């Protein structure tokens, strides 16, 4: 191969490339070609086969992690907690569907309980966040409030809602094939994709709904931040050595389990998520008090302070002036917990 810089003989800069160099250039160009692949749940780009398997790549978003350091307040709460809470509280009425089964001739509260009780371990199997699970249930309820669903397609709606929720809040989404495998291949990929489009159209592409997980995280961080406001220099050094230093973490885990139980119970759809989350945190504190009667509960004054600020009259229909929705929700949660003691035993250890 010959290349010339100028046309005149006297000033020509002529050089030769060997055939091997020319082929090497072409080979280098081919090696740099990016292999692109369109996956089920998004667009992936990779230069070769990844040594990391699928379970290691599926992870929750760091802003929505279910696990918080014991005794620490989350960074998002310190920076955006009150602002984000106010925005979510203002939007709560727009995404609040309390009568999703009112126009469902083929579905019952028992069928909904079975579906949600199945979605909870499924989201844990894929290592998705609790926020994702709550959002999936919210999508199911809002879709049922707008569209009648056949009983034999109810499970397909559940996995479709979980896929949409994971695309909304997670870094990586489960593959459609893996979701269909859990349904024993009763549905096809085409059916799921068609239902996904229908759900988006029915919900007008509005997926960012306030959820139980958000409000629970906010209230738990508020309870954790309350002791630091009154902390003295003498007590700050012994906080980490206190025998009950892991109490905030245990209380948050217990409250999350109580919220999981309430998700599957259709009777709690009449309460807004912010109210249910706040009552669940208080019930969790009461359960821990029973284990250690002499230990004061740091969650109770913090939650009571929040209760004094919260008003749910715009969201709940009041039957009488003496109706207290917060007390009614707490009583219902206590009954729900008493009926599911076996599933809560492992959360308090």
C-alpha atoms as a PDB file:
ATOM      1  CA  UNK A   1       0.000   0.000   0.000  1.00  0.00           C
ATOM      2  CA  UNK A   2       1.379   3.356  -1.042  1.00  0.00           C
ATOM      3  CA  UNK A   3       0.419   6.759   0.338  1.00  0.00           C
ATOM      4  CA  UNK A   4       1.530  10.132  -1.087  1.00  0.00           C
ATOM      5  CA  UNK A   5       1.282  13.458   0.708  1.00  0.00           C
ATOM      6  CA  UNK A   6       1.891  15.708  -2.359  1.00  0.00           C
ATOM      7  CA  UNK A   7       1.609  15.333  -6.131  1.00  0.00           C
ATOM      8  CA  UNK A   8       5.074  16.713  -7.059  1.00  0.00           C
ATOM      9  CA  UNK A   9       8.020  14.338  -7.320  1.00  0.00           C
ATOM     10  CA  UNK A  10      10.529  16.551  -5.471  1.00  0.00           C
ATOM     11  CA  UNK A  11       8.550  16.979  -2.348  1.00  0.00           C
ATOM     12  CA  UNK A  12       6.666  13.712  -2.276  1.00  0.00           C
ATOM     13  CA  UNK A  13       6.501  12.063   1.134  1.00  0.00           C
ATOM     14  CA  UNK A  14       6.111   8.471   0.128  1.00  0.00           C
ATOM     15  CA  UNK A  15       5.974   5.559   2.542  1.00  0.00           C
ATOM     16  CA  UNK A  16       4.977   1.974   2.342  1.00  0.00           C
ATOM     17  CA  UNK A  17       2.914  -0.137   4.690  1.00  0.00           C
ATOM     18  CA  UNK A  18       3.577  -3.774   4.873  1.00  0.00           C
ATOM     19  CA  UNK A  19       0.606  -6.073   4.286  1.00  0.00           C
ATOM     20  CA  UNK A  20       0.851  -7.305   7.877  1.00  0.00           C
ATOM     21  CA  UNK A  21       0.490  -3.757   9.233  1.00  0.00           C
ATOM     22  CA  UNK A  22      -2.537  -3.137   7.070  1.00  0.00           C
ATOM     23  CA  UNK A  23      -4.201  -6.340   8.237  1.00  0.00           C
ATOM     24  CA  UNK A  24      -3.313  -5.531  11.847  1.00  0.00           C
ATOM     25  CA  UNK A  25      -5.103  -2.192  11.522  1.00  0.00           C
ATOM     26  CA  UNK A  26      -8.192  -3.920  10.232  1.00  0.00           C
ATOM     27  CA  UNK A  27      -8.008  -6.506  13.008  1.00  0.00           C
ATOM     28  CA  UNK A  28      -7.705  -3.798  15.644  1.00  0.00           C
ATOM     29  CA  UNK A  29     -10.745  -2.088  14.199  1.00  0.00           C
ATOM     30  CA  UNK A  30     -12.723  -5.310  14.323  1.00  0.00           C
ATOM     31  CA  UNK A  31     -11.685  -5.972  17.929  1.00  0.00           C
ATOM     32  CA  UNK A  32     -13.035  -2.568  18.986  1.00  0.00           C
ATOM     33  CA  UNK A  33     -16.465  -3.278  17.572  1.00  0.00           C
ATOM     34  CA  UNK A  34     -19.023  -3.022  20.392  1.00  0.00           C
ATOM     35  CA  UNK A  35     -21.339  -5.965  20.726  1.00  0.00           C
ATOM     36  CA  UNK A  36     -24.783  -4.640  21.573  1.00  0.00           C
ATOM     37  CA  UNK A  37     -27.657  -6.748  22.770  1.00  0.00           C
ATOM     38  CA  UNK A  38     -31.267  -5.800  23.413  1.00  0.00           C
ATOM     39  CA  UNK A  39     -32.380  -7.695  26.483  1.00  0.00           C
ATOM     40  CA  UNK A  40     -35.853  -8.301  27.856  1.00  0.00           C
ATOM     41  CA  UNK A  41     -35.800  -5.540  30.432  1.00  0.00           C
ATOM     42  CA  UNK A  42     -33.494  -2.934  28.959  1.00  0.00           C
ATOM     43  CA  UNK A  43     -30.515  -2.243  26.746  1.00  0.00           C
ATOM     44  CA  UNK A  44     -27.226  -3.897  27.633  1.00  0.00           C
ATOM     45  CA  UNK A  45     -23.806  -3.291  26.102  1.00  0.00           C
ATOM     46  CA  UNK A  46     -20.843  -5.547  26.676  1.00  0.00           C
ATOM     47  CA  UNK A  47     -17.510  -6.301  25.030  1.00  0.00           C
ATOM     48  CA  UNK A  48     -17.682  -9.957  25.852  1.00  0.00           C
ATOM     49  CA  UNK A  49     -19.225 -12.473  28.115  1.00  0.00           C
ATOM     50  CA  UNK A  50     -19.370 -11.109  31.624  1.00  0.00           C
ATOM     51  CA  UNK A  51     -17.825 -13.292  34.333  1.00  0.00           C
ATOM     52  CA  UNK A  52     -20.465 -12.034  36.747  1.00  0.00           C
ATOM     53  CA  UNK A  53     -23.628 -14.073  36.854  1.00  0.00           C
ATOM     54  CA  UNK A  54     -27.133 -12.698  36.849  1.00  0.00           C
ATOM     55  CA  UNK A  55     -27.785 -12.831  40.612  1.00  0.00           C
ATOM     56  CA  UNK A  56     -24.662 -10.770  41.305  1.00  0.00           C
ATOM     57  CA  UNK A  57     -25.690  -8.102  38.827  1.00  0.00           C
ATOM     58  CA  UNK A  58     -29.220  -7.689  40.141  1.00  0.00           C
ATOM     59  CA  UNK A  59     -28.972  -5.251  43.014  1.00  0.00           C
ATOM     60  CA  UNK A  60     -31.084  -2.612  44.628  1.00  0.00           C
ATOM     61  CA  UNK A  61     -30.551   1.069  44.201  1.00  0.00           C
ATOM     62  CA  UNK A  62     -28.328   2.584  46.906  1.00  0.00           C
ATOM     63  CA  UNK A  63     -30.947   5.273  47.533  1.00  0.00           C
ATOM     64  CA  UNK A  64     -33.607   2.661  48.164  1.00  0.00           C
ATOM     65  CA  UNK A  65     -31.720   0.027  50.099  1.00  0.00           C
ATOM     66  CA  UNK A  66     -33.818  -1.797  52.674  1.00  0.00           C
ATOM     67  CA  UNK A  67     -30.910  -2.117  55.100  1.00  0.00           C
ATOM     68  CA  UNK A  68     -29.794   0.932  57.023  1.00  0.00           C
ATOM     69  CA  UNK A  69     -26.790   1.162  59.350  1.00  0.00           C
ATOM     70  CA  UNK A  70     -27.870   0.650  62.918  1.00  0.00           C
ATOM     71  CA  UNK A  71     -28.391   3.913  64.765  1.00  0.00           C
ATOM     72  CA  UNK A  72     -27.587   6.063  61.735  1.00  0.00           C
ATOM     73  CA  UNK A  73     -29.773   8.450  59.807  1.00  0.00           C
ATOM     74  CA  UNK A  74     -29.822   7.993  56.025  1.00  0.00           C
ATOM     75  CA  UNK A  75     -28.133  10.627  53.904  1.00  0.00           C
ATOM     76  CA  UNK A  76     -31.228  11.122  51.756  1.00  0.00           C
ATOM     77  CA  UNK A  77     -33.226  11.952  54.888  1.00  0.00           C
ATOM     78  CA  UNK A  78     -30.713  14.554  56.055  1.00  0.00           C
ATOM     79  CA  UNK A  79     -30.665  16.273  52.660  1.00  0.00           C
ATOM     80  CA  UNK A  80     -34.157  15.819  51.221  1.00  0.00           C
ATOM     81  CA  UNK A  81     -36.243  14.089  53.888  1.00  0.00           C
ATOM     82  CA  UNK A  82     -38.794  16.768  54.785  1.00  0.00           C
ATOM     83  CA  UNK A  83     -39.067  18.106  51.233  1.00  0.00           C
ATOM     84  CA  UNK A  84     -39.545  14.648  49.741  1.00  0.00           C
ATOM     85  CA  UNK A  85     -42.044  13.736  52.439  1.00  0.00           C
ATOM     86  CA  UNK A  86     -44.161  16.800  51.742  1.00  0.00           C
ATOM     87  CA  UNK A  87     -44.150  16.099  48.005  1.00  0.00           C
ATOM     88  CA  UNK A  88     -45.185  12.487  48.542  1.00  0.00           C
ATOM     89  CA  UNK A  89     -47.903  13.475  51.013  1.00  0.00           C
ATOM     90  CA  UNK A  90     -49.313  15.967  48.495  1.00  0.00           C
ATOM     91  CA  UNK A  91     -49.311  13.299  45.769  1.00  0.00           C
ATOM     92  CA  UNK A  92     -50.728  10.571  47.981  1.00  0.00           C
ATOM     93  CA  UNK A  93     -54.355  11.325  47.167  1.00  0.00           C
ATOM     94  CA  UNK A  94     -53.651  11.114  43.420  1.00  0.00           C
ATOM     95  CA  UNK A  95     -52.286   7.548  43.637  1.00  0.00           C
ATOM     96  CA  UNK A  96     -54.545   6.268  46.416  1.00  0.00           C
ATOM     97  CA  UNK A  97     -56.996   3.560  45.250  1.00  0.00           C
ATOM     98  CA  UNK A  98     -58.985   2.286  48.209  1.00  0.00           C
ATOM     99  CA  UNK A  99     -61.666   0.371  46.243  1.00  0.00           C
ATOM    100  CA  UNK A 100     -59.716  -1.492  43.606  1.00  0.00           C
ATOM    101  CA  UNK A 101     -61.994  -4.562  43.795  1.00  0.00           C
ATOM    102  CA  UNK A 102     -65.256  -2.648  43.489  1.00  0.00           C
ATOM    103  CA  UNK A 103     -65.563  -3.327  39.745  1.00  0.00           C
ATOM    104  CA  UNK A 104     -63.901  -6.751  39.585  1.00  0.00           C
ATOM    105  CA  UNK A 105     -66.559  -9.470  39.107  1.00  0.00           C
ATOM    106  CA  UNK A 106     -64.009 -12.311  38.897  1.00  0.00           C
ATOM    107  CA  UNK A 107     -61.581 -11.242  41.639  1.00  0.00           C
ATOM    108  CA  UNK A 108     -61.981 -11.310  45.399  1.00  0.00           C
ATOM    109  CA  UNK A 109     -60.031 -10.062  48.379  1.00  0.00           C
ATOM    110  CA  UNK A 110     -58.802 -13.616  48.928  1.00  0.00           C
ATOM    111  CA  UNK A 111     -57.415 -13.790  45.383  1.00  0.00           C
ATOM    112  CA  UNK A 112     -55.635 -10.487  45.900  1.00  0.00           C
ATOM    113  CA  UNK A 113     -54.201 -11.752  49.192  1.00  0.00           C
ATOM    114  CA  UNK A 114     -52.812 -14.843  47.455  1.00  0.00           C
ATOM    115  CA  UNK A 115     -51.229 -12.776  44.683  1.00  0.00           C
ATOM    116  CA  UNK A 116     -49.569 -10.248  47.000  1.00  0.00           C
ATOM    117  CA  UNK A 117     -48.435 -13.007  49.367  1.00  0.00           C
ATOM    118  CA  UNK A 118     -46.789 -14.637  46.343  1.00  0.00           C
ATOM    119  CA  UNK A 119     -45.211 -11.397  45.079  1.00  0.00           C
ATOM    120  CA  UNK A 120     -43.496 -10.719  48.418  1.00  0.00           C
ATOM    121  CA  UNK A 121     -41.172 -13.783  48.291  1.00  0.00           C
ATOM    122  CA  UNK A 122     -40.755 -13.310  44.528  1.00  0.00           C
ATOM    123  CA  UNK A 123     -39.351  -9.811  44.972  1.00  0.00           C
ATOM    124  CA  UNK A 124     -36.984 -11.157  47.630  1.00  0.00           C
ATOM    125  CA  UNK A 125     -35.922 -13.960  45.281  1.00  0.00           C
ATOM    126  CA  UNK A 126     -34.812 -11.372  42.725  1.00  0.00           C
ATOM    127  CA  UNK A 127     -33.212  -9.239  45.482  1.00  0.00           C
ATOM    128  CA  UNK A 128     -35.485  -6.302  44.744  1.00  0.00           C
ATOM    129  CA  UNK A 129     -36.162  -3.590  47.284  1.00  0.00           C
ATOM    130  CA  UNK A 130     -39.250  -3.301  49.453  1.00  0.00           C
ATOM    131  CA  UNK A 131     -39.998  -0.069  47.599  1.00  0.00           C
ATOM    132  CA  UNK A 132     -40.263  -2.110  44.393  1.00  0.00           C
ATOM    133  CA  UNK A 133     -42.665  -4.574  45.995  1.00  0.00           C
ATOM    134  CA  UNK A 134     -44.909  -1.814  47.364  1.00  0.00           C
ATOM    135  CA  UNK A 135     -44.929  -0.026  44.016  1.00  0.00           C
ATOM    136  CA  UNK A 136     -45.891  -3.259  42.236  1.00  0.00           C
ATOM    137  CA  UNK A 137     -48.879  -3.722  44.553  1.00  0.00           C
ATOM    138  CA  UNK A 138     -49.854  -0.092  43.981  1.00  0.00           C
ATOM    139  CA  UNK A 139     -49.729  -0.626  40.203  1.00  0.00           C
ATOM    140  CA  UNK A 140     -51.919  -3.725  40.524  1.00  0.00           C
ATOM    141  CA  UNK A 141     -54.525  -1.892  42.618  1.00  0.00           C
ATOM    142  CA  UNK A 142     -54.635   1.175  40.377  1.00  0.00           C
ATOM    143  CA  UNK A 143     -54.969  -0.956  37.259  1.00  0.00           C
ATOM    144  CA  UNK A 144     -57.781  -3.012  38.809  1.00  0.00           C
ATOM    145  CA  UNK A 145     -59.585   0.205  39.729  1.00  0.00           C
ATOM    146  CA  UNK A 146     -59.646   1.150  36.030  1.00  0.00           C
ATOM    147  CA  UNK A 147     -59.875  -2.182  34.177  1.00  0.00           C
ATOM    148  CA  UNK A 148     -61.682  -5.484  34.858  1.00  0.00           C
ATOM    149  CA  UNK A 149     -59.223  -8.384  35.070  1.00  0.00           C
ATOM    150  CA  UNK A 150     -59.942 -12.033  34.339  1.00  0.00           C
ATOM    151  CA  UNK A 151     -59.109 -14.471  37.114  1.00  0.00           C
ATOM    152  CA  UNK A 152     -56.792 -16.542  34.911  1.00  0.00           C
ATOM    153  CA  UNK A 153     -54.742 -13.420  34.038  1.00  0.00           C
ATOM    154  CA  UNK A 154     -54.350 -12.130  37.584  1.00  0.00           C
ATOM    155  CA  UNK A 155     -50.928 -13.699  38.121  1.00  0.00           C
ATOM    156  CA  UNK A 156     -49.751 -12.263  34.802  1.00  0.00           C
ATOM    157  CA  UNK A 157     -50.811  -8.831  36.024  1.00  0.00           C
ATOM    158  CA  UNK A 158     -48.772  -9.356  39.191  1.00  0.00           C
ATOM    159  CA  UNK A 159     -45.498 -10.180  37.427  1.00  0.00           C
ATOM    160  CA  UNK A 160     -46.095  -7.411  34.885  1.00  0.00           C
ATOM    161  CA  UNK A 161     -46.541  -4.896  37.688  1.00  0.00           C
ATOM    162  CA  UNK A 162     -43.378  -6.194  39.366  1.00  0.00           C
ATOM    163  CA  UNK A 163     -41.455  -5.766  36.110  1.00  0.00           C
ATOM    164  CA  UNK A 164     -42.718  -2.200  35.676  1.00  0.00           C
ATOM    165  CA  UNK A 165     -41.907  -1.348  39.289  1.00  0.00           C
ATOM    166  CA  UNK A 166     -38.380  -2.730  38.956  1.00  0.00           C
ATOM    167  CA  UNK A 167     -37.813  -0.651  35.828  1.00  0.00           C
ATOM    168  CA  UNK A 168     -38.965   2.400  37.753  1.00  0.00           C
ATOM    169  CA  UNK A 169     -36.930   2.078  40.969  1.00  0.00           C
ATOM    170  CA  UNK A 170     -34.189  -0.530  40.494  1.00  0.00           C
ATOM    171  CA  UNK A 171     -30.839  -0.475  38.713  1.00  0.00           C
ATOM    172  CA  UNK A 172     -31.482  -3.817  36.968  1.00  0.00           C
ATOM    173  CA  UNK A 173     -34.757  -5.564  36.227  1.00  0.00           C
ATOM    174  CA  UNK A 174     -35.506  -9.292  36.174  1.00  0.00           C
ATOM    175  CA  UNK A 175     -35.641 -10.890  32.764  1.00  0.00           C
ATOM    176  CA  UNK A 176     -39.052 -11.672  31.379  1.00  0.00           C
ATOM    177  CA  UNK A 177     -38.116 -15.328  30.953  1.00  0.00           C
ATOM    178  CA  UNK A 178     -37.246 -15.652  34.632  1.00  0.00           C
ATOM    179  CA  UNK A 179     -40.552 -14.085  35.660  1.00  0.00           C
ATOM    180  CA  UNK A 180     -42.489 -16.404  33.375  1.00  0.00           C
ATOM    181  CA  UNK A 181     -40.627 -19.418  34.753  1.00  0.00           C
ATOM    182  CA  UNK A 182     -42.047 -18.621  38.194  1.00  0.00           C
ATOM    183  CA  UNK A 183     -45.506 -18.719  36.615  1.00  0.00           C
ATOM    184  CA  UNK A 184     -44.815 -22.280  35.391  1.00  0.00           C
ATOM    185  CA  UNK A 185     -44.754 -20.987  31.803  1.00  0.00           C
ATOM    186  CA  UNK A 186     -48.507 -20.401  31.883  1.00  0.00           C
ATOM    187  CA  UNK A 187     -48.060 -17.189  29.891  1.00  0.00           C
ATOM    188  CA  UNK A 188     -45.975 -16.099  26.927  1.00  0.00           C
ATOM    189  CA  UNK A 189     -43.581 -13.213  26.539  1.00  0.00           C
ATOM    190  CA  UNK A 190     -45.906 -11.608  24.009  1.00  0.00           C
ATOM    191  CA  UNK A 191     -48.788 -11.682  26.481  1.00  0.00           C
ATOM    192  CA  UNK A 192     -46.678 -10.036  29.177  1.00  0.00           C
ATOM    193  CA  UNK A 193     -45.423  -7.309  26.831  1.00  0.00           C
ATOM    194  CA  UNK A 194     -48.943  -6.585  25.603  1.00  0.00           C
ATOM    195  CA  UNK A 195     -50.233  -6.333  29.163  1.00  0.00           C
ATOM    196  CA  UNK A 196     -47.285  -4.106  30.068  1.00  0.00           C
ATOM    197  CA  UNK A 197     -48.313  -1.655  27.336  1.00  0.00           C
ATOM    198  CA  UNK A 198     -51.939  -1.791  28.468  1.00  0.00           C
ATOM    199  CA  UNK A 199     -51.010  -1.068  32.096  1.00  0.00           C
ATOM    200  CA  UNK A 200     -48.916   1.927  31.049  1.00  0.00           C
ATOM    201  CA  UNK A 201     -51.788   3.303  28.971  1.00  0.00           C
ATOM    202  CA  UNK A 202     -54.368   2.780  31.723  1.00  0.00           C
ATOM    203  CA  UNK A 203     -52.130   4.477  34.302  1.00  0.00           C
ATOM    204  CA  UNK A 204     -51.198   7.231  31.844  1.00  0.00           C
ATOM    205  CA  UNK A 205     -47.512   6.346  32.379  1.00  0.00           C
ATOM    206  CA  UNK A 206     -47.678   7.626  35.972  1.00  0.00           C
ATOM    207  CA  UNK A 207     -45.685   5.110  37.999  1.00  0.00           C
ATOM    208  CA  UNK A 208     -43.971   7.207  40.702  1.00  0.00           C
ATOM    209  CA  UNK A 209     -46.550   6.618  43.403  1.00  0.00           C
ATOM    210  CA  UNK A 210     -46.035   7.270  47.132  1.00  0.00           C
ATOM    211  CA  UNK A 211     -45.627   3.887  48.780  1.00  0.00           C
ATOM    212  CA  UNK A 212     -45.564   2.247  52.176  1.00  0.00           C
ATOM    213  CA  UNK A 213     -41.813   1.758  51.843  1.00  0.00           C
ATOM    214  CA  UNK A 214     -41.078   5.457  51.379  1.00  0.00           C
ATOM    215  CA  UNK A 215     -43.152   6.601  54.346  1.00  0.00           C
ATOM    216  CA  UNK A 216     -41.833   3.807  56.556  1.00  0.00           C
ATOM    217  CA  UNK A 217     -38.263   4.783  55.713  1.00  0.00           C
ATOM    218  CA  UNK A 218     -39.027   8.425  56.440  1.00  0.00           C
ATOM    219  CA  UNK A 219     -40.680   7.705  59.789  1.00  0.00           C
ATOM    220  CA  UNK A 220     -37.900   5.302  60.799  1.00  0.00           C
ATOM    221  CA  UNK A 221     -35.284   7.946  60.030  1.00  0.00           C
ATOM    222  CA  UNK A 222     -37.320  10.521  61.951  1.00  0.00           C
ATOM    223  CA  UNK A 223     -37.346   8.206  64.961  1.00  0.00           C
ATOM    224  CA  UNK A 224     -33.584   7.657  64.630  1.00  0.00           C
ATOM    225  CA  UNK A 225     -32.908  11.383  64.342  1.00  0.00           C
ATOM    226  CA  UNK A 226     -35.002  12.298  67.386  1.00  0.00           C
ATOM    227  CA  UNK A 227     -32.480  11.079  70.040  1.00  0.00           C
ATOM    228  CA  UNK A 228     -29.630  13.002  68.390  1.00  0.00           C
ATOM    229  CA  UNK A 229     -31.449  16.294  68.820  1.00  0.00           C
ATOM    230  CA  UNK A 230     -31.412  15.873  72.611  1.00  0.00           C
ATOM    231  CA  UNK A 231     -28.078  14.056  72.795  1.00  0.00           C
ATOM    232  CA  UNK A 232     -25.602  15.350  75.393  1.00  0.00           C
ATOM    233  CA  UNK A 233     -21.809  15.197  75.069  1.00  0.00           C
ATOM    234  CA  UNK A 234     -21.652  12.742  77.941  1.00  0.00           C
ATOM    235  CA  UNK A 235     -24.029  10.256  76.350  1.00  0.00           C
ATOM    236  CA  UNK A 236     -22.686  10.425  72.808  1.00  0.00           C
ATOM    237  CA  UNK A 237     -19.626   8.348  73.562  1.00  0.00           C
ATOM    238  CA  UNK A 238     -21.553   5.424  75.005  1.00  0.00           C
ATOM    239  CA  UNK A 239     -24.220   5.151  72.320  1.00  0.00           C
ATOM    240  CA  UNK A 240     -22.421   2.419  70.420  1.00  0.00           C
ATOM    241  CA  UNK A 241     -21.890   0.317  73.539  1.00  0.00           C
ATOM    242  CA  UNK A 242     -25.498   0.491  74.707  1.00  0.00           C
ATOM    243  CA  UNK A 243     -26.949  -3.021  74.987  1.00  0.00           C
ATOM    244  CA  UNK A 244     -29.928  -1.975  72.865  1.00  0.00           C
ATOM    245  CA  UNK A 245     -27.963  -0.084  70.206  1.00  0.00           C
ATOM    246  CA  UNK A 246     -29.478  -2.255  67.464  1.00  0.00           C
ATOM    247  CA  UNK A 247     -33.034  -1.372  68.473  1.00  0.00           C
ATOM    248  CA  UNK A 248     -33.677   1.081  65.572  1.00  0.00           C
ATOM    249  CA  UNK A 249     -32.589  -1.566  63.083  1.00  0.00           C
ATOM    250  CA  UNK A 250     -34.743  -4.232  64.727  1.00  0.00           C
ATOM    251  CA  UNK A 251     -37.710  -1.891  64.956  1.00  0.00           C
ATOM    252  CA  UNK A 252     -37.402  -1.000  61.267  1.00  0.00           C
ATOM    253  CA  UNK A 253     -37.235  -4.680  60.285  1.00  0.00           C
ATOM    254  CA  UNK A 254     -40.249  -5.497  62.427  1.00  0.00           C
ATOM    255  CA  UNK A 255     -42.226  -2.568  61.010  1.00  0.00           C
ATOM    256  CA  UNK A 256     -41.376  -3.660  57.469  1.00  0.00           C
ATOM    257  CA  UNK A 257     -42.726  -7.140  58.232  1.00  0.00           C
ATOM    258  CA  UNK A 258     -45.926  -5.630  59.604  1.00  0.00           C
ATOM    259  CA  UNK A 259     -46.239  -3.575  56.420  1.00  0.00           C
ATOM    260  CA  UNK A 260     -45.787  -6.731  54.338  1.00  0.00           C
ATOM    261  CA  UNK A 261     -48.717  -8.296  56.164  1.00  0.00           C
ATOM    262  CA  UNK A 262     -50.852  -5.211  55.585  1.00  0.00           C
ATOM    263  CA  UNK A 263     -50.017  -5.181  51.867  1.00  0.00           C
ATOM    264  CA  UNK A 264     -51.698  -8.551  51.389  1.00  0.00           C
ATOM    265  CA  UNK A 265     -54.790  -7.615  53.422  1.00  0.00           C
ATOM    266  CA  UNK A 266     -57.315  -5.753  51.284  1.00  0.00           C
ATOM    267  CA  UNK A 267     -58.904  -4.253  54.402  1.00  0.00           C
ATOM    268  CA  UNK A 268     -55.917  -1.902  54.749  1.00  0.00           C
ATOM    269  CA  UNK A 269     -56.477  -0.365  51.316  1.00  0.00           C
ATOM    270  CA  UNK A 270     -58.836   2.129  52.913  1.00  0.00           C
ATOM    271  CA  UNK A 271     -55.928   3.652  54.841  1.00  0.00           C
ATOM    272  CA  UNK A 272     -53.384   5.863  53.065  1.00  0.00           C
ATOM    273  CA  UNK A 273     -49.840   4.449  52.972  1.00  0.00           C
ATOM    274  CA  UNK A 274     -48.483   7.218  55.181  1.00  0.00           C
ATOM    275  CA  UNK A 275     -50.940   6.323  57.943  1.00  0.00           C
ATOM    276  CA  UNK A 276     -50.315   2.577  57.697  1.00  0.00           C
ATOM    277  CA  UNK A 277     -46.537   3.044  57.759  1.00  0.00           C
ATOM    278  CA  UNK A 278     -46.664   5.286  60.810  1.00  0.00           C
ATOM    279  CA  UNK A 279     -48.944   2.900  62.689  1.00  0.00           C
ATOM    280  CA  UNK A 280     -46.768  -0.083  61.709  1.00  0.00           C
ATOM    281  CA  UNK A 281     -43.704   1.594  63.198  1.00  0.00           C
ATOM    282  CA  UNK A 282     -45.553   2.198  66.440  1.00  0.00           C
ATOM    283  CA  UNK A 283     -46.808  -1.408  66.570  1.00  0.00           C
ATOM    284  CA  UNK A 284     -43.241  -2.609  66.008  1.00  0.00           C
ATOM    285  CA  UNK A 285     -42.083  -0.500  68.946  1.00  0.00           C
ATOM    286  CA  UNK A 286     -44.790  -2.017  71.126  1.00  0.00           C
ATOM    287  CA  UNK A 287     -43.721  -5.534  70.153  1.00  0.00           C
ATOM    288  CA  UNK A 288     -40.131  -4.795  71.128  1.00  0.00           C
ATOM    289  CA  UNK A 289     -41.296  -3.300  74.429  1.00  0.00           C
ATOM    290  CA  UNK A 290     -42.932  -6.613  75.299  1.00  0.00           C
ATOM    291  CA  UNK A 291     -39.589  -8.369  74.903  1.00  0.00           C
ATOM    292  CA  UNK A 292     -37.758  -5.822  77.093  1.00  0.00           C
ATOM    293  CA  UNK A 293     -40.335  -4.268  79.451  1.00  0.00           C
ATOM    294  CA  UNK A 294     -37.785  -2.128  81.291  1.00  0.00           C
ATOM    295  CA  UNK A 295     -36.339  -0.540  78.168  1.00  0.00           C
ATOM    296  CA  UNK A 296     -37.881   2.808  77.149  1.00  0.00           C
ATOM    297  CA  UNK A 297     -39.094   3.074  73.579  1.00  0.00           C
ATOM    298  CA  UNK A 298     -37.387   5.856  71.598  1.00  0.00           C
ATOM    299  CA  UNK A 299     -39.886   5.367  68.760  1.00  0.00           C
ATOM    300  CA  UNK A 300     -42.980   6.242  70.794  1.00  0.00           C
ATOM    301  CA  UNK A 301     -42.264   9.970  71.439  1.00  0.00           C
ATOM    302  CA  UNK A 302     -41.022  10.444  67.880  1.00  0.00           C
ATOM    303  CA  UNK A 303     -44.086   8.778  66.373  1.00  0.00           C
ATOM    304  CA  UNK A 304     -46.432  10.629  68.717  1.00  0.00           C
ATOM    305  CA  UNK A 305     -44.831  13.891  67.601  1.00  0.00           C
ATOM    306  CA  UNK A 306     -45.481  12.926  63.987  1.00  0.00           C
ATOM    307  CA  UNK A 307     -49.063  12.000  64.825  1.00  0.00           C
ATOM    308  CA  UNK A 308     -49.649  15.485  66.205  1.00  0.00           C
ATOM    309  CA  UNK A 309     -48.595  16.981  62.868  1.00  0.00           C
ATOM    310  CA  UNK A 310     -50.405  14.566  60.554  1.00  0.00           C
ATOM    311  CA  UNK A 311     -53.983  14.996  59.391  1.00  0.00           C
ATOM    312  CA  UNK A 312     -55.686  12.447  57.147  1.00  0.00           C
ATOM    313  CA  UNK A 313     -59.114  14.053  56.837  1.00  0.00           C
ATOM    314  CA  UNK A 314     -58.771  14.781  53.092  1.00  0.00           C
ATOM    315  CA  UNK A 315     -57.996  11.118  52.390  1.00  0.00           C
ATOM    316  CA  UNK A 316     -60.436   9.317  54.684  1.00  0.00           C
ATOM    317  CA  UNK A 317     -64.197   9.574  54.857  1.00  0.00           C
ATOM    318  CA  UNK A 318     -65.207  10.459  58.375  1.00  0.00           C
ATOM    319  CA  UNK A 319     -68.309   8.728  59.711  1.00  0.00           C
ATOM    320  CA  UNK A 320     -68.461  10.884  62.840  1.00  0.00           C
ATOM    321  CA  UNK A 321     -66.577  13.608  64.611  1.00  0.00           C
ATOM    322  CA  UNK A 322     -65.146  11.086  67.068  1.00  0.00           C
ATOM    323  CA  UNK A 323     -63.772   8.806  64.361  1.00  0.00           C
ATOM    324  CA  UNK A 324     -60.015   8.319  64.758  1.00  0.00           C
ATOM    325  CA  UNK A 325     -58.525   6.632  61.666  1.00  0.00           C
ATOM    326  CA  UNK A 326     -55.087   6.320  63.278  1.00  0.00           C
ATOM    327  CA  UNK A 327     -56.468   4.438  66.282  1.00  0.00           C
ATOM    328  CA  UNK A 328     -58.585   2.250  64.010  1.00  0.00           C
ATOM    329  CA  UNK A 329     -55.556   1.428  61.864  1.00  0.00           C
ATOM    330  CA  UNK A 330     -53.455   0.554  64.924  1.00  0.00           C
ATOM    331  CA  UNK A 331     -56.173  -1.726  66.273  1.00  0.00           C
ATOM    332  CA  UNK A 332     -56.451  -3.468  62.907  1.00  0.00           C
ATOM    333  CA  UNK A 333     -52.684  -3.924  62.758  1.00  0.00           C
ATOM    334  CA  UNK A 334     -52.620  -5.381  66.275  1.00  0.00           C
ATOM    335  CA  UNK A 335     -55.257  -7.913  65.240  1.00  0.00           C
ATOM    336  CA  UNK A 336     -53.342  -8.714  62.052  1.00  0.00           C
ATOM    337  CA  UNK A 337     -50.118  -9.231  64.002  1.00  0.00           C
ATOM    338  CA  UNK A 338     -51.821 -11.466  66.560  1.00  0.00           C
ATOM    339  CA  UNK A 339     -53.091 -13.681  63.733  1.00  0.00           C
ATOM    340  CA  UNK A 340     -49.633 -13.934  62.149  1.00  0.00           C
ATOM    341  CA  UNK A 341     -47.341 -14.413  65.138  1.00  0.00           C
ATOM    342  CA  UNK A 342     -45.528 -17.319  63.494  1.00  0.00           C
ATOM    343  CA  UNK A 343     -44.296 -15.189  60.596  1.00  0.00           C
ATOM    344  CA  UNK A 344     -43.084 -12.472  62.978  1.00  0.00           C
ATOM    345  CA  UNK A 345     -41.125 -14.694  65.363  1.00  0.00           C
ATOM    346  CA  UNK A 346     -37.903 -14.589  63.368  1.00  0.00           C
ATOM    347  CA  UNK A 347     -37.922 -10.806  63.019  1.00  0.00           C
ATOM    348  CA  UNK A 348     -37.298  -9.972  66.661  1.00  0.00           C
ATOM    349  CA  UNK A 349     -34.134 -12.024  67.198  1.00  0.00           C
END
